[in-house]
Amino acid sequence: MKVQFACPSCEAPVTVEEPLPAQWQCHCSASGPLNTTGIGSDGKLSQCVACGNAQVYRQKNFPQWLGLSLLTVACAAFFILQGLYLKDLAWAILLGSAAIDLVLYLIVGDVIICYRCHARHVGLAKQKSYDPFELAIAEKYRQERLRREAAKQ
């Protein structure tokens, strides 16, 4: 398993890999404990390793920008070829991009992300028991973060 999160002091990315150490260390000399008790013997994550939060969600470990770029190129090619009256080729490109998207969806694994600290837990045992993203929970943690920042000022 690999865990990636932002350093609370300098916002630089911190990456720790198995075997997980007891403490994480950043290049800015900041450090903190890791919650290694959050990983069960079956490989299931019950708490975030970085902050100990129990609310996490599952999403595909695929760059969103790449998926949107493929969609944009396929749609642009479709409209250009439709304008040139090459309807068969236009539909082949559009349906081919949908097939590529499906293959990528099936191949790419999941990543578990913490709502509070946005730590990414990669390489966990494949389980669908994690819930997908919920906007209401994310908004709760966003408001919590805003209140903390306002209290600092």
Protein backbone atom coordinates (compact mmCIF):
# COMPACT_ATOMS: atom_id res chain seq x y z
CA MET A 1 0.00 0.00 0.00
CA LYS A 2 1.10 3.55 -0.73
CA VAL A 3 -0.32 6.64 1.01
CA GLN A 4 -0.02 10.13 -0.47
CA PHE A 5 -1.09 13.27 1.40
CA ALA A 6 -0.19 16.94 1.74
CA CYS A 7 2.10 18.08 4.56
CA PRO A 8 0.03 20.19 6.99
CA SER A 9 2.89 22.69 7.33
CA CYS A 10 4.05 23.36 3.78
CA GLU A 11 1.41 21.58 1.60
CA ALA A 12 4.18 19.58 -0.13
CA PRO A 13 3.22 16.03 -1.13
CA VAL A 14 4.30 13.33 1.31
CA THR A 15 4.38 9.67 0.21
CA VAL A 16 4.83 6.70 2.51
CA GLU A 17 4.86 3.07 1.38
CA GLU A 18 4.59 -0.31 3.05
CA PRO A 19 5.95 -1.21 5.44
CA LEU A 20 4.40 1.91 6.92
CA PRO A 21 6.66 3.74 9.37
CA ALA A 22 5.35 4.98 12.73
CA GLN A 23 6.10 8.61 11.75
CA TRP A 24 6.05 10.48 8.46
CA GLN A 25 8.73 13.07 7.67
CA CYS A 26 8.55 16.03 5.27
CA HIS A 27 11.42 17.92 3.68
CA CYS A 28 10.37 21.01 5.71
CA SER A 29 11.23 19.09 8.93
CA ALA A 30 7.58 18.58 9.83
CA SER A 31 6.61 15.12 11.01
CA GLY A 32 3.67 13.33 12.51
CA PRO A 33 2.34 9.92 13.48
CA LEU A 34 0.72 7.49 11.07
CA ASN A 35 -2.40 5.59 12.10
CA THR A 36 -1.31 2.07 11.14
CA THR A 37 -4.06 0.52 13.28
CA GLY A 38 -6.60 1.61 10.66
CA ILE A 39 -5.62 -1.28 8.37
CA GLY A 40 -7.16 -4.62 9.24
CA SER A 41 -5.55 -8.01 8.74
CA ASP A 42 -7.80 -8.51 5.70
CA GLY A 43 -6.32 -5.37 4.09
CA LYS A 44 -9.46 -3.29 4.59
CA LEU A 45 -9.00 0.31 5.62
CA SER A 46 -11.19 1.39 8.56
CA GLN A 47 -9.49 4.76 9.16
CA CYS A 48 -7.29 7.12 7.20
CA VAL A 49 -3.63 6.36 7.78
CA ALA A 50 -2.67 10.05 7.70
CA CYS A 51 -5.31 11.64 9.98
CA GLY A 52 -7.32 8.78 11.53
CA ASN A 53 -10.65 9.86 10.02
CA ALA A 54 -13.12 7.02 9.51
CA GLN A 55 -14.95 8.59 6.55
CA VAL A 56 -13.33 7.67 3.24
CA TYR A 57 -14.59 7.20 -0.31
CA ARG A 58 -13.64 5.15 -3.35
CA GLN A 59 -12.88 6.43 -6.82
CA LYS A 60 -11.01 5.23 -9.89
CA ASN A 61 -7.26 5.83 -9.83
CA PHE A 62 -7.27 7.51 -13.21
CA PRO A 63 -6.31 11.11 -14.07
CA GLN A 64 -9.49 13.05 -14.69
CA TRP A 65 -7.77 15.39 -17.13
CA LEU A 66 -6.83 12.46 -19.37
CA GLY A 67 -10.39 11.13 -19.51
CA LEU A 68 -11.78 14.55 -20.34
CA SER A 69 -9.08 15.10 -22.98
CA LEU A 70 -9.99 11.81 -24.69
CA LEU A 71 -13.67 12.78 -24.65
CA THR A 72 -12.94 16.26 -26.03
CA VAL A 73 -10.79 14.94 -28.89
CA ALA A 74 -13.36 12.26 -29.78
CA CYS A 75 -16.24 14.78 -29.79
CA ALA A 76 -14.27 17.30 -31.85
CA ALA A 77 -13.29 14.61 -34.37
CA PHE A 78 -16.90 13.43 -34.52
CA PHE A 79 -18.26 16.90 -35.35
CA ILE A 80 -15.52 17.63 -37.88
CA LEU A 81 -16.06 14.32 -39.68
CA GLN A 82 -19.84 14.79 -39.58
CA GLY A 83 -19.34 18.19 -41.23
CA LEU A 84 -17.24 16.55 -43.93
CA TYR A 85 -20.03 13.99 -44.49
CA LEU A 86 -17.87 11.08 -43.31
CA LYS A 87 -20.59 9.73 -41.06
CA ASP A 88 -19.32 6.15 -40.79
CA LEU A 89 -15.84 7.24 -39.75
CA ALA A 90 -17.29 9.83 -37.33
CA TRP A 91 -19.42 7.23 -35.57
CA ALA A 92 -16.52 4.74 -35.56
CA ILE A 93 -14.33 7.28 -33.74
CA LEU A 94 -17.08 8.17 -31.25
CA LEU A 95 -17.95 4.54 -30.48
CA GLY A 96 -14.26 3.57 -30.46
CA SER A 97 -13.53 6.20 -27.83
CA ALA A 98 -16.41 4.84 -25.74
CA ALA A 99 -14.91 1.33 -26.04
CA ILE A 100 -11.47 2.64 -25.00
CA ASP A 101 -13.10 4.37 -22.04
CA LEU A 102 -14.79 1.11 -21.00
CA VAL A 103 -11.54 -0.86 -21.23
CA LEU A 104 -9.71 1.75 -19.15
CA TYR A 105 -12.53 1.71 -16.57
CA LEU A 106 -12.22 -2.06 -16.20
CA ILE A 107 -8.41 -2.10 -16.06
CA VAL A 108 -7.74 0.82 -13.72
CA GLY A 109 -7.95 0.06 -10.00
CA ASP A 110 -9.55 2.03 -7.21
CA VAL A 111 -8.04 4.48 -4.77
CA ILE A 112 -9.45 5.23 -1.31
CA ILE A 113 -9.48 8.93 -0.40
CA CYS A 114 -10.02 10.55 2.99
CA TYR A 115 -12.66 13.28 3.13
CA ARG A 116 -10.77 15.29 5.78
CA CYS A 117 -7.15 15.34 4.61
CA HIS A 118 -7.55 14.05 1.02
CA ALA A 119 -4.94 11.34 1.60
CA ARG A 120 -4.87 8.82 -1.25
CA HIS A 121 -4.54 5.16 -0.20
CA VAL A 122 -3.38 3.16 -3.23
CA GLY A 123 -2.89 -0.59 -3.45
CA LEU A 124 -5.41 -1.83 -0.91
CA ALA A 125 -7.13 -5.17 -1.25
CA LYS A 126 -9.80 -4.86 -3.92
CA GLN A 127 -13.11 -4.42 -2.11
CA LYS A 128 -16.26 -2.66 -3.19
CA SER A 129 -17.39 -2.09 0.40
CA TYR A 130 -16.15 1.51 0.35
CA ASP A 131 -18.83 4.04 -0.54
CA PRO A 132 -18.43 6.33 -3.55
CA PHE A 133 -18.04 10.09 -3.14
CA GLU A 134 -20.89 11.91 -1.38
CA LEU A 135 -21.13 15.67 -1.76
CA ALA A 136 -22.85 16.21 1.62
CA ILE A 137 -19.99 14.57 3.53
CA ALA A 138 -17.38 16.45 1.50
CA GLU A 139 -19.15 19.74 2.20
CA LYS A 140 -19.15 18.99 5.93
CA TYR A 141 -15.35 18.61 5.90
CA ARG A 142 -14.90 21.66 3.64
CA GLN A 143 -16.88 23.77 6.12
CA GLU A 144 -14.79 22.34 8.98
CA ARG A 145 -11.60 23.32 7.17
CA LEU A 146 -12.91 26.85 6.53
CA ARG A 147 -13.83 27.27 10.22
CA ARG A 148 -10.33 26.15 11.27
CA GLU A 149 -8.71 28.60 8.84
CA ALA A 150 -10.95 31.43 10.07
CA ALA A 151 -10.08 30.64 13.69
CA LYS A 152 -6.35 30.87 12.88
CA GLN A 153 -6.75 34.43 11.55
